[in-house]
């Protein structure tokens, strides 16, 4: 029942069909009193019940409560890191703005723990250190510029935004056919059209695209009898198998900083809407002027500091 509930929630959340109010846990487990996991829930103490809810059905807890809990996790983690206290020595990083990605990559290798406190000093094109003390603002500018530059494919600063299928990997969730849309919308549309083609054999498709060239998939033709299996195998190959090595490398480093159990408090849709900036608007004389400023900032792909 819990597994089905989570599947339904994940399926409808992205299209805003899910109610915004928290759902009491007894709604999901009313009809399954004999289920083994439900018996554990009823027989456990309050702390164990809370842990069960947070790790299996966190969406029934109000979003604001989960955010507060996440911040408490961060606070406790900082207290347990030896070089995070206020009197700890800062780890200095000298970063050239023109080479921010390569400089960061090289210097990160020399740092024992990325959870320590970093002190950023920018170096200009002439090799001179820029004036300014890193009291937090310089570090924020550094992280903002680094992420935009690292995720840029055409040397244009962009706001990094992970696709939903990749966010599900961060949460330890399995990707299925519907998630193919966030990887390749055109492929997703064409794959679904295969179900409506009366003579799919005429396309000459084989299972090679769904299993890779190293397999014997080329020997298996796609027919009306196996087209559904082909569609799901293709989605699995594109979303899970083909990118497994690269995804695993990213997740190992990411989870070294933020455990996956913390991330599971939220859904992929919530993460996709998260922004590191604050939207602070000055007082505009009319709504038309405010709208024009916001549209200009969005089209210029600028941060919210543009006013």
Protein backbone atom coordinates (compact mmCIF):
# COMPACT_ATOMS: atom_id res chain seq x y z
CA UNK A 1 0.00 0.00 0.00
CA UNK A 2 2.79 2.43 0.92
CA UNK A 3 4.63 1.65 -2.32
CA UNK A 4 1.46 2.25 -4.35
CA UNK A 5 0.77 5.48 -2.47
CA UNK A 6 4.27 6.78 -3.24
CA UNK A 7 3.94 5.83 -6.90
CA UNK A 8 0.62 7.66 -7.22
CA UNK A 9 2.02 10.69 -5.44
CA UNK A 10 5.08 10.84 -7.71
CA UNK A 11 2.93 10.46 -10.81
CA UNK A 12 0.43 13.22 -10.11
CA UNK A 13 2.54 15.72 -8.18
CA UNK A 14 4.21 17.18 -11.27
CA UNK A 15 0.82 18.05 -12.80
CA UNK A 16 -0.53 19.71 -9.63
CA UNK A 17 -3.25 17.16 -8.91
CA UNK A 18 -1.99 16.38 -5.42
CA UNK A 19 -3.77 18.13 -2.52
CA UNK A 20 -1.65 20.72 -0.77
CA UNK A 21 -2.79 19.75 2.71
CA UNK A 22 -0.91 16.99 4.58
CA UNK A 23 -2.52 13.55 4.39
CA UNK A 24 -2.88 11.64 7.69
CA UNK A 25 -0.96 8.33 7.66
CA UNK A 26 -4.13 6.41 8.61
CA UNK A 27 -5.58 7.21 5.18
CA UNK A 28 -2.93 5.00 3.56
CA UNK A 29 -2.93 2.17 6.08
CA UNK A 30 -6.59 1.89 7.10
CA UNK A 31 -7.19 -1.15 4.87
CA UNK A 32 -3.91 -2.92 5.63
CA UNK A 33 -3.92 -3.58 9.36
CA UNK A 34 -2.41 -7.01 8.75
CA UNK A 35 0.49 -5.73 6.68
CA UNK A 36 3.83 -6.42 8.37
CA UNK A 37 5.21 -2.88 7.93
CA UNK A 38 1.95 -1.40 9.20
CA UNK A 39 2.07 -3.61 12.31
CA UNK A 40 5.55 -2.27 13.00
CA UNK A 41 4.15 1.25 12.68
CA UNK A 42 1.35 0.69 15.19
CA UNK A 43 3.47 -1.22 17.70
CA UNK A 44 6.47 1.14 17.71
CA UNK A 45 7.01 4.17 19.92
CA UNK A 46 6.50 7.77 18.80
CA UNK A 47 10.11 8.33 17.74
CA UNK A 48 10.13 5.16 15.64
CA UNK A 49 6.79 6.12 14.07
CA UNK A 50 8.17 9.51 13.10
CA UNK A 51 11.26 7.92 11.59
CA UNK A 52 9.07 5.49 9.65
CA UNK A 53 6.93 8.30 8.24
CA UNK A 54 9.93 10.46 7.28
CA UNK A 55 11.71 7.61 5.49
CA UNK A 56 8.72 6.11 3.68
CA UNK A 57 5.97 8.70 3.21
CA UNK A 58 7.54 12.13 3.95
CA UNK A 59 4.93 13.88 1.78
CA UNK A 60 2.34 13.53 4.57
CA UNK A 61 4.41 15.92 6.72
CA UNK A 62 3.92 19.65 5.95
CA UNK A 63 6.62 21.03 3.67
CA UNK A 64 7.61 23.77 6.12
CA UNK A 65 8.18 21.16 8.84
CA UNK A 66 10.45 19.14 6.57
CA UNK A 67 12.44 22.25 5.66
CA UNK A 68 12.96 23.03 9.35
CA UNK A 69 14.03 19.43 9.96
CA UNK A 70 16.49 19.59 7.06
CA UNK A 71 18.05 22.76 8.50
CA UNK A 72 18.36 21.05 11.89
CA UNK A 73 20.23 18.19 10.19
CA UNK A 74 22.62 20.70 8.64
CA UNK A 75 23.15 22.46 11.97
CA UNK A 76 23.96 19.22 13.80
CA UNK A 77 26.27 18.10 11.01
CA UNK A 78 28.21 21.37 11.17
CA UNK A 79 28.69 20.89 14.91
CA UNK A 80 30.21 17.46 14.31
CA UNK A 81 32.72 18.66 11.70
CA UNK A 82 36.01 19.55 13.51
CA UNK A 83 36.96 22.49 11.27
CA UNK A 84 33.50 24.07 11.09
CA UNK A 85 33.48 25.95 14.40
CA UNK A 86 33.86 29.72 14.44
CA UNK A 87 37.50 29.67 15.61
CA UNK A 88 38.66 27.05 13.10
CA UNK A 89 41.22 28.02 10.49
CA UNK A 90 39.73 28.81 7.11
CA UNK A 91 40.89 26.93 4.03
CA UNK A 92 42.14 29.59 1.59
CA UNK A 93 41.31 29.30 -2.12
CA UNK A 94 42.80 31.69 -4.70
CA UNK A 95 40.54 31.64 -7.73
CA UNK A 96 41.09 33.29 -11.10
CA UNK A 97 37.79 34.47 -12.47
CA UNK A 98 38.84 33.53 -15.99
CA UNK A 99 39.61 29.95 -14.89
CA UNK A 100 37.13 29.46 -12.07
CA UNK A 101 36.24 25.86 -12.96
CA UNK A 102 39.77 24.53 -13.48
CA UNK A 103 41.17 26.41 -10.46
CA UNK A 104 38.39 25.08 -8.24
CA UNK A 105 38.81 21.52 -9.54
CA UNK A 106 42.57 21.56 -8.90
CA UNK A 107 42.34 23.09 -5.43
CA UNK A 108 39.47 20.90 -4.25
CA UNK A 109 41.74 17.87 -4.64
CA UNK A 110 44.06 19.27 -1.97
CA UNK A 111 41.26 19.75 0.57
CA UNK A 112 40.75 16.88 3.00
CA UNK A 113 37.10 17.69 3.68
CA UNK A 114 34.80 19.87 1.62
CA UNK A 115 32.67 20.40 4.73
CA UNK A 116 35.30 22.75 6.15
CA UNK A 117 35.05 26.53 5.98
CA UNK A 118 36.49 28.03 2.81
CA UNK A 119 37.89 31.52 2.33
CA UNK A 120 37.65 32.71 -1.25
CA UNK A 121 40.00 35.25 -2.78
CA UNK A 122 39.39 36.25 -6.38
CA UNK A 123 42.34 37.01 -8.64
CA UNK A 124 41.82 39.33 -11.61
CA UNK A 125 43.21 38.99 -15.14
CA UNK A 126 46.39 40.84 -14.10
CA UNK A 127 47.10 38.31 -11.35
CA UNK A 128 46.24 40.74 -8.54
CA UNK A 129 44.00 39.80 -5.63
CA UNK A 130 40.70 41.64 -5.62
CA UNK A 131 39.90 43.78 -2.61
CA UNK A 132 37.30 42.51 -0.20
CA UNK A 133 37.01 40.25 2.83
CA UNK A 134 35.02 37.05 2.49
CA UNK A 135 32.34 37.43 5.12
CA UNK A 136 29.93 35.26 3.20
CA UNK A 137 29.10 37.45 0.23
CA UNK A 138 32.26 36.57 -1.70
CA UNK A 139 31.67 32.86 -1.11
CA UNK A 140 28.08 33.15 -2.36
CA UNK A 141 29.27 34.97 -5.48
CA UNK A 142 31.91 32.26 -5.97
CA UNK A 143 29.43 29.37 -5.68
CA UNK A 144 26.91 31.14 -7.91
CA UNK A 145 29.47 31.86 -10.64
CA UNK A 146 31.10 28.42 -10.37
CA UNK A 147 27.85 26.50 -10.79
CA UNK A 148 26.67 28.66 -13.66
CA UNK A 149 30.00 28.32 -15.48
CA UNK A 150 30.39 24.60 -14.81
CA UNK A 151 26.94 23.79 -16.17
CA UNK A 152 27.29 26.05 -19.19
CA UNK A 153 27.54 24.21 -22.51
CA UNK A 154 28.00 27.25 -24.72
CA UNK A 155 30.12 29.47 -22.46
CA UNK A 156 27.00 31.36 -21.39
CA UNK A 157 26.25 31.75 -17.70
CA UNK A 158 23.08 29.82 -16.91
CA UNK A 159 21.18 28.85 -13.81
CA UNK A 160 21.83 25.11 -13.26
CA UNK A 161 18.65 23.06 -13.14
CA UNK A 162 18.68 19.28 -13.01
CA UNK A 163 16.12 17.32 -14.98
CA UNK A 164 13.52 15.45 -12.95
CA UNK A 165 14.89 12.04 -13.91
CA UNK A 166 18.29 13.01 -12.45
CA UNK A 167 16.75 14.48 -9.32
CA UNK A 168 15.05 11.13 -8.75
CA UNK A 169 18.49 9.52 -8.85
CA UNK A 170 19.63 11.91 -6.11
CA UNK A 171 16.73 10.69 -4.00
CA UNK A 172 17.46 7.03 -4.72
CA UNK A 173 14.27 6.60 -6.73
CA UNK A 174 13.95 4.39 -9.79
CA UNK A 175 13.18 5.98 -13.16
CA UNK A 176 10.43 4.55 -15.35
CA UNK A 177 8.79 5.28 -18.69
CA UNK A 178 7.12 8.57 -17.70
CA UNK A 179 10.50 9.98 -16.63
CA UNK A 180 11.82 9.64 -20.19
CA UNK A 181 9.95 12.87 -20.97
CA UNK A 182 12.37 14.88 -18.79
CA UNK A 183 15.37 13.34 -20.59
CA UNK A 184 14.14 13.62 -24.18
CA UNK A 185 10.60 14.86 -24.78
CA UNK A 186 10.72 14.06 -28.49
CA UNK A 187 11.89 10.48 -27.89
CA UNK A 188 9.20 10.05 -25.24
CA UNK A 189 6.50 11.17 -27.67
CA UNK A 190 7.75 8.89 -30.46
CA UNK A 191 8.05 5.91 -28.12
CA UNK A 192 4.44 6.29 -27.01
CA UNK A 193 3.34 6.50 -30.64
CA UNK A 194 4.70 2.99 -31.20
CA UNK A 195 1.75 1.62 -29.24
CA UNK A 196 -0.71 3.00 -31.80
CA UNK A 197 1.05 1.82 -34.97
CA UNK A 198 -0.91 -1.17 -36.33
CA UNK A 199 2.02 -2.67 -38.27
CA UNK A 200 5.00 -1.87 -36.04
CA UNK A 201 7.02 -4.67 -37.69
CA UNK A 202 7.26 -2.54 -40.85
CA UNK A 203 9.53 -0.09 -39.02
CA UNK A 204 12.29 -2.71 -38.84
CA UNK A 205 13.08 -1.98 -35.19
CA UNK A 206 15.15 -4.32 -33.04
CA UNK A 207 15.97 -4.42 -29.35
CA UNK A 208 19.47 -3.00 -29.96
CA UNK A 209 18.38 0.52 -28.98
CA UNK A 210 16.84 -0.85 -25.80
CA UNK A 211 19.77 -2.99 -24.67
CA UNK A 212 22.93 -1.60 -26.26
CA UNK A 213 25.09 -2.76 -29.18
CA UNK A 214 27.07 -5.22 -27.02
CA UNK A 215 24.03 -7.45 -26.54
CA UNK A 216 22.14 -9.69 -28.94
CA UNK A 217 19.28 -7.19 -29.11
CA UNK A 218 19.76 -6.84 -32.86
CA UNK A 219 18.55 -10.40 -33.28
CA UNK A 220 15.16 -9.64 -31.68
CA UNK A 221 12.70 -7.75 -33.87
CA UNK A 222 10.06 -5.47 -32.39
CA UNK A 223 6.58 -6.84 -33.07
CA UNK A 224 3.05 -6.14 -31.96
CA UNK A 225 3.42 -8.78 -29.26
CA UNK A 226 6.58 -7.37 -27.67
CA UNK A 227 6.32 -3.63 -28.43
CA UNK A 228 5.24 -2.79 -24.86
CA UNK A 229 8.24 -4.66 -23.46
CA UNK A 230 10.46 -2.83 -25.97
CA UNK A 231 9.12 0.56 -24.86
CA UNK A 232 9.82 -0.10 -21.19
CA UNK A 233 13.25 -1.64 -21.87
CA UNK A 234 14.19 1.38 -23.99
CA UNK A 235 13.19 3.77 -21.21
CA UNK A 236 15.11 1.72 -18.65
CA UNK A 237 18.22 1.64 -20.86
CA UNK A 238 18.20 5.39 -21.51
CA UNK A 239 17.35 6.45 -17.95
CA UNK A 240 19.18 3.87 -15.83
CA UNK A 241 21.61 1.62 -17.69
CA UNK A 242 23.31 3.92 -20.19
CA UNK A 243 24.19 6.63 -17.65
CA UNK A 244 24.79 4.36 -14.66
CA UNK A 245 28.57 4.88 -14.37
CA UNK A 246 28.45 8.68 -14.72
CA UNK A 247 25.50 8.97 -12.35
CA UNK A 248 27.14 6.75 -9.75
CA UNK A 249 30.33 8.87 -9.78
CA UNK A 250 28.32 12.06 -9.27
CA UNK A 251 26.18 10.56 -6.51
CA UNK A 252 29.17 9.24 -4.55
CA UNK A 253 30.65 12.74 -4.34
CA UNK A 254 27.31 14.44 -3.74
CA UNK A 255 26.24 12.10 -0.94
CA UNK A 256 29.61 12.57 0.73
CA UNK A 257 28.35 16.08 1.53
CA UNK A 258 24.60 15.53 1.81
CA UNK A 259 23.32 12.06 2.80
CA UNK A 260 20.56 10.65 0.64
CA UNK A 261 18.33 10.19 3.71
CA UNK A 262 18.17 13.97 4.11
CA UNK A 263 17.20 14.49 0.49
CA UNK A 264 14.37 11.98 0.69
CA UNK A 265 12.45 14.42 2.85
CA UNK A 266 11.50 16.15 -0.39
CA UNK A 267 10.31 15.25 -3.86
CA UNK A 268 12.07 15.82 -7.20
CA UNK A 269 9.49 18.47 -8.08
CA UNK A 270 10.34 20.43 -4.93
CA UNK A 271 14.06 20.30 -5.73
CA UNK A 272 13.53 21.43 -9.31
CA UNK A 273 11.86 24.61 -8.00
CA UNK A 274 14.59 25.44 -5.47
CA UNK A 275 16.57 28.60 -6.06
CA UNK A 276 19.65 29.75 -4.17
CA UNK A 277 18.78 33.45 -4.60
CA UNK A 278 16.17 35.55 -2.86
CA UNK A 279 13.60 37.48 -4.87
CA UNK A 280 13.72 40.96 -3.35
CA UNK A 281 11.74 43.47 -5.36
CA UNK A 282 11.89 47.22 -4.88
CA UNK A 283 8.69 49.22 -4.74
CA UNK A 284 7.47 49.82 -8.29
CA UNK A 285 4.91 52.47 -9.16
CA UNK A 286 2.79 50.12 -11.30
CA UNK A 287 2.31 46.40 -11.91
CA UNK A 288 3.20 46.94 -15.57
CA UNK A 289 6.67 48.24 -14.67
CA UNK A 290 7.23 45.36 -12.25
CA UNK A 291 6.20 42.84 -14.89
CA UNK A 292 8.49 44.44 -17.49
CA UNK A 293 11.46 44.28 -15.09
CA UNK A 294 10.81 40.63 -14.22
CA UNK A 295 10.37 39.59 -17.85
CA UNK A 296 13.59 41.39 -18.77
CA UNK A 297 15.50 39.63 -15.98
CA UNK A 298 14.13 36.23 -17.02
CA UNK A 299 14.93 36.75 -20.70
CA UNK A 300 18.43 37.97 -19.84
CA UNK A 301 18.91 34.84 -17.68
CA UNK A 302 20.03 37.16 -14.90
CA UNK A 303 19.85 36.60 -11.19
CA UNK A 304 17.23 38.22 -9.04
CA UNK A 305 19.65 41.00 -8.16
CA UNK A 306 18.76 42.68 -11.47
CA UNK A 307 16.25 45.43 -10.68
